[in-house]
């Protein structure tokens, strides 16, 4: 019989194998609200229109917003795609 207690992952090792990161967009004076929200909608998976607008407003009011958090490889992809659309990006933050 299969013993589920024997398969316990060491969280430190698991995180070391799959580091997580944050994608943060910074405020600038060159992008319109519409463009920023559109970029969030088309690049970030599962982004709703409402969340895209809320994040866009947060970027404008506070100077930055975390738009995605997850594994490093995906974070790098979304970071590069947002950057290629002209958004001002903070360096990827590993968590």
N, C-alpha and C. Protein backbone atom coordinates (compact mmCIF):
# COMPACT_ATOMS: atom_id res chain seq x y z
N UNK A 1 0.84 -1.19 0.00
CA UNK A 1 0.00 0.00 0.00
C UNK A 1 0.88 1.25 0.00
N UNK A 2 0.41 2.29 -0.60
CA UNK A 2 1.15 3.55 -0.74
C UNK A 2 1.06 4.35 0.54
N UNK A 3 2.20 4.77 1.04
CA UNK A 3 2.24 5.54 2.28
C UNK A 3 2.45 7.01 1.93
N UNK A 4 1.42 7.81 2.05
CA UNK A 4 1.51 9.22 1.67
C UNK A 4 2.45 10.01 2.57
N UNK A 5 2.68 9.54 3.78
CA UNK A 5 3.57 10.26 4.68
C UNK A 5 5.03 10.17 4.24
N UNK A 6 5.36 9.19 3.41
CA UNK A 6 6.75 9.05 2.99
C UNK A 6 7.13 10.05 1.90
N UNK A 7 6.13 10.70 1.32
CA UNK A 7 6.42 11.66 0.26
C UNK A 7 6.13 13.06 0.78
N UNK A 8 7.09 13.61 1.48
CA UNK A 8 6.99 14.97 2.01
C UNK A 8 8.13 15.75 1.40
N UNK A 9 7.79 16.82 0.70
CA UNK A 9 8.83 17.63 0.06
C UNK A 9 9.45 18.60 1.06
N UNK A 10 10.73 18.71 1.00
CA UNK A 10 11.43 19.71 1.79
C UNK A 10 11.18 21.05 1.10
N UNK A 11 10.49 21.96 1.77
CA UNK A 11 10.12 23.23 1.15
C UNK A 11 11.33 24.06 0.74
N UNK A 12 12.41 24.00 1.51
CA UNK A 12 13.60 24.76 1.13
C UNK A 12 14.17 24.25 -0.18
N UNK A 13 14.24 22.94 -0.35
CA UNK A 13 14.75 22.37 -1.60
C UNK A 13 13.80 22.66 -2.75
N UNK A 14 12.51 22.56 -2.48
CA UNK A 14 11.52 22.82 -3.52
C UNK A 14 11.62 24.26 -4.02
N UNK A 15 11.76 25.22 -3.12
CA UNK A 15 11.88 26.62 -3.52
C UNK A 15 13.20 26.89 -4.24
N UNK A 16 14.24 26.18 -3.85
CA UNK A 16 15.53 26.36 -4.51
C UNK A 16 15.46 25.90 -5.96
N UNK A 17 14.71 24.84 -6.22
CA UNK A 17 14.57 24.33 -7.57
C UNK A 17 13.70 25.24 -8.42
N UNK A 18 12.67 25.79 -7.82
CA UNK A 18 11.70 26.59 -8.54
C UNK A 18 11.56 27.96 -7.88
N UNK A 19 12.55 28.83 -8.11
CA UNK A 19 12.47 30.15 -7.47
C UNK A 19 11.28 30.95 -8.00
N UNK A 20 10.72 31.77 -7.13
CA UNK A 20 9.62 32.63 -7.53
C UNK A 20 10.10 34.05 -7.70
N UNK A 21 9.32 34.83 -8.43
CA UNK A 21 9.70 36.21 -8.70
C UNK A 21 8.46 37.06 -8.85
N UNK A 22 8.66 38.37 -8.73
CA UNK A 22 7.59 39.36 -8.87
C UNK A 22 7.86 40.21 -10.11
N UNK A 23 6.80 40.50 -10.86
CA UNK A 23 6.88 41.39 -12.01
C UNK A 23 6.21 42.70 -11.60
N UNK A 24 6.99 43.78 -11.62
CA UNK A 24 6.52 45.08 -11.13
C UNK A 24 6.63 46.11 -12.24
N UNK A 25 5.52 46.80 -12.50
CA UNK A 25 5.48 47.87 -13.49
C UNK A 25 5.59 49.21 -12.76
N UNK A 26 6.38 50.11 -13.33
CA UNK A 26 6.59 51.43 -12.75
C UNK A 26 5.83 52.49 -13.53
N UNK A 27 5.50 53.56 -12.85
CA UNK A 27 4.81 54.68 -13.48
C UNK A 27 5.77 55.42 -14.40
N UNK A 28 5.24 55.95 -15.49
CA UNK A 28 6.02 56.82 -16.38
C UNK A 28 5.06 57.81 -17.02
N UNK A 29 5.61 58.75 -17.73
CA UNK A 29 4.75 59.76 -18.35
C UNK A 29 4.55 59.50 -19.85
N UNK A 30 5.01 58.36 -20.32
CA UNK A 30 4.94 58.11 -21.77
C UNK A 30 3.85 57.13 -22.18
N UNK A 31 3.27 56.39 -21.26
CA UNK A 31 2.24 55.41 -21.61
C UNK A 31 0.87 55.86 -21.13
N UNK A 32 -0.14 55.64 -21.98
CA UNK A 32 -1.51 55.98 -21.61
C UNK A 32 -2.10 54.88 -20.73
N UNK A 33 -3.14 55.23 -20.00
CA UNK A 33 -3.85 54.24 -19.19
C UNK A 33 -4.33 53.09 -20.09
N UNK A 34 -4.87 53.43 -21.24
CA UNK A 34 -5.41 52.41 -22.15
C UNK A 34 -4.34 51.43 -22.58
N UNK A 35 -3.16 51.95 -22.93
CA UNK A 35 -2.07 51.09 -23.38
C UNK A 35 -1.60 50.16 -22.26
N UNK A 36 -1.43 50.70 -21.07
CA UNK A 36 -0.96 49.88 -19.94
C UNK A 36 -1.97 48.79 -19.62
N UNK A 37 -3.24 49.14 -19.52
CA UNK A 37 -4.28 48.15 -19.23
C UNK A 37 -4.35 47.09 -20.33
N UNK A 38 -4.24 47.51 -21.58
CA UNK A 38 -4.26 46.57 -22.71
C UNK A 38 -3.09 45.59 -22.61
N UNK A 39 -1.91 46.10 -22.27
CA UNK A 39 -0.74 45.23 -22.12
C UNK A 39 -0.96 44.19 -21.03
N UNK A 40 -1.50 44.62 -19.90
CA UNK A 40 -1.78 43.67 -18.82
C UNK A 40 -2.75 42.59 -19.30
N UNK A 41 -3.80 43.01 -19.98
CA UNK A 41 -4.82 42.07 -20.46
C UNK A 41 -4.27 41.06 -21.45
N UNK A 42 -3.41 41.50 -22.34
CA UNK A 42 -2.94 40.62 -23.41
C UNK A 42 -1.71 39.80 -23.03
N UNK A 43 -0.98 40.21 -22.01
CA UNK A 43 0.27 39.51 -21.67
C UNK A 43 0.15 38.66 -20.41
N UNK A 44 -0.51 39.16 -19.39
CA UNK A 44 -0.59 38.45 -18.11
C UNK A 44 -1.77 37.46 -18.15
N UNK A 45 -1.49 36.17 -17.95
CA UNK A 45 -2.57 35.17 -18.00
C UNK A 45 -3.63 35.41 -16.91
N UNK A 46 -4.85 35.11 -17.24
CA UNK A 46 -6.00 35.21 -16.32
C UNK A 46 -6.24 36.63 -15.80
N UNK A 47 -5.77 37.61 -16.53
CA UNK A 47 -5.99 39.00 -16.13
C UNK A 47 -7.38 39.43 -16.58
N UNK A 48 -8.17 39.91 -15.65
CA UNK A 48 -9.50 40.42 -16.00
C UNK A 48 -9.37 41.90 -16.38
N UNK A 49 -10.36 42.39 -17.09
CA UNK A 49 -10.34 43.79 -17.47
C UNK A 49 -10.38 44.68 -16.23
N UNK A 50 -11.16 44.30 -15.25
CA UNK A 50 -11.26 45.09 -14.01
C UNK A 50 -9.92 45.14 -13.27
N UNK A 51 -9.27 43.97 -13.15
CA UNK A 51 -7.97 43.93 -12.47
C UNK A 51 -6.92 44.73 -13.24
N UNK A 52 -6.95 44.66 -14.57
CA UNK A 52 -6.00 45.42 -15.40
C UNK A 52 -6.15 46.91 -15.14
N UNK A 53 -7.39 47.39 -15.08
CA UNK A 53 -7.61 48.81 -14.81
C UNK A 53 -7.21 49.18 -13.39
N UNK A 54 -7.54 48.31 -12.42
CA UNK A 54 -7.16 48.59 -11.02
C UNK A 54 -5.64 48.66 -10.88
N UNK A 55 -4.92 47.76 -11.54
CA UNK A 55 -3.46 47.80 -11.48
C UNK A 55 -2.91 49.04 -12.17
N UNK A 56 -3.51 49.41 -13.28
CA UNK A 56 -3.08 50.61 -14.01
C UNK A 56 -3.24 51.85 -13.13
N UNK A 57 -4.36 51.94 -12.44
CA UNK A 57 -4.60 53.07 -11.53
C UNK A 57 -3.61 53.04 -10.37
N UNK A 58 -3.32 51.84 -9.86
CA UNK A 58 -2.35 51.72 -8.76
C UNK A 58 -0.96 52.19 -9.21
N UNK A 59 -0.56 51.81 -10.41
CA UNK A 59 0.74 52.27 -10.94
C UNK A 59 0.77 53.79 -10.97
N UNK A 60 -0.31 54.39 -11.45
CA UNK A 60 -0.37 55.85 -11.56
C UNK A 60 -0.34 56.53 -10.19
N UNK A 61 -1.10 56.01 -9.24
CA UNK A 61 -1.23 56.66 -7.93
C UNK A 61 -0.05 56.41 -7.00
N UNK A 62 0.52 55.19 -7.04
CA UNK A 62 1.56 54.84 -6.07
C UNK A 62 2.96 54.75 -6.69
N UNK A 63 3.03 54.77 -8.01
CA UNK A 63 4.34 54.71 -8.67
C UNK A 63 4.74 53.32 -9.13
N UNK A 64 4.03 52.29 -8.65
CA UNK A 64 4.36 50.93 -9.09
C UNK A 64 3.24 49.97 -8.69
N UNK A 65 3.24 48.80 -9.33
CA UNK A 65 2.31 47.75 -8.95
C UNK A 65 2.88 46.39 -9.36
N UNK A 66 2.69 45.42 -8.48
CA UNK A 66 3.04 44.04 -8.82
C UNK A 66 1.92 43.50 -9.70
N UNK A 67 2.26 43.10 -10.92
CA UNK A 67 1.24 42.63 -11.85
C UNK A 67 1.22 41.12 -11.98
N UNK A 68 2.28 40.47 -11.51
CA UNK A 68 2.31 39.00 -11.56
C UNK A 68 3.35 38.49 -10.59
N UNK A 69 3.07 37.32 -10.01
CA UNK A 69 4.00 36.65 -9.12
C UNK A 69 3.92 35.16 -9.41
N UNK A 70 5.08 34.54 -9.55
CA UNK A 70 5.11 33.10 -9.84
C UNK A 70 6.52 32.65 -10.14
N UNK A 71 6.64 31.55 -10.89
CA UNK A 71 7.98 31.01 -11.11
C UNK A 71 8.82 31.96 -11.96
N UNK A 72 10.11 31.92 -11.71
CA UNK A 72 11.06 32.86 -12.30
C UNK A 72 11.03 32.86 -13.82
N UNK A 73 10.96 31.68 -14.41
CA UNK A 73 11.00 31.60 -15.87
C UNK A 73 9.82 32.33 -16.50
N UNK A 74 8.63 32.14 -15.96
CA UNK A 74 7.45 32.85 -16.47
C UNK A 74 7.57 34.34 -16.18
N UNK A 75 8.06 34.69 -15.01
CA UNK A 75 8.24 36.11 -14.66
C UNK A 75 9.14 36.80 -15.67
N UNK A 76 10.21 36.13 -16.05
CA UNK A 76 11.13 36.71 -17.04
C UNK A 76 10.44 36.93 -18.38
N UNK A 77 9.61 35.97 -18.77
CA UNK A 77 8.87 36.10 -20.03
C UNK A 77 7.92 37.29 -19.99
N UNK A 78 7.10 37.38 -18.94
CA UNK A 78 6.13 38.49 -18.85
C UNK A 78 6.84 39.83 -18.74
N UNK A 79 7.94 39.86 -17.99
CA UNK A 79 8.73 41.09 -17.84
C UNK A 79 9.22 41.55 -19.21
N UNK A 80 9.79 40.65 -19.97
CA UNK A 80 10.33 40.99 -21.29
C UNK A 80 9.22 41.44 -22.24
N UNK A 81 8.07 40.77 -22.20
CA UNK A 81 6.96 41.14 -23.07
C UNK A 81 6.42 42.52 -22.72
N UNK A 82 6.26 42.81 -21.44
CA UNK A 82 5.78 44.14 -21.04
C UNK A 82 6.79 45.22 -21.41
N UNK A 83 8.05 44.92 -21.20
CA UNK A 83 9.12 45.86 -21.57
C UNK A 83 9.11 46.14 -23.07
N UNK A 84 8.90 45.09 -23.88
CA UNK A 84 8.89 45.25 -25.33
C UNK A 84 7.71 46.09 -25.82
N UNK A 85 6.66 46.21 -24.99
CA UNK A 85 5.51 47.05 -25.34
C UNK A 85 5.68 48.48 -24.86
N UNK A 86 6.85 48.78 -24.27
CA UNK A 86 7.15 50.15 -23.88
C UNK A 86 6.87 50.49 -22.43
N UNK A 87 6.43 49.50 -21.64
CA UNK A 87 6.17 49.78 -20.23
C UNK A 87 7.49 49.93 -19.47
N UNK A 88 7.48 50.72 -18.43
CA UNK A 88 8.65 50.92 -17.59
C UNK A 88 8.61 49.88 -16.49
N UNK A 89 9.66 49.07 -16.43
CA UNK A 89 9.66 47.91 -15.55
C UNK A 89 10.74 48.04 -14.47
N UNK A 90 10.39 47.58 -13.27
CA UNK A 90 11.39 47.41 -12.22
C UNK A 90 12.14 46.13 -12.53
N UNK A 91 13.36 46.00 -12.03
CA UNK A 91 14.05 44.71 -12.19
C UNK A 91 13.21 43.59 -11.57
N UNK A 92 13.30 42.41 -12.11
CA UNK A 92 12.56 41.28 -11.55
C UNK A 92 13.02 41.06 -10.10
N UNK A 93 12.06 40.91 -9.21
CA UNK A 93 12.37 40.68 -7.80
C UNK A 93 12.16 39.21 -7.49
N UNK A 94 13.23 38.54 -7.11
CA UNK A 94 13.11 37.14 -6.71
C UNK A 94 12.59 37.10 -5.27
N UNK A 95 11.66 36.16 -5.02
CA UNK A 95 11.08 36.05 -3.68
C UNK A 95 11.53 34.77 -3.01
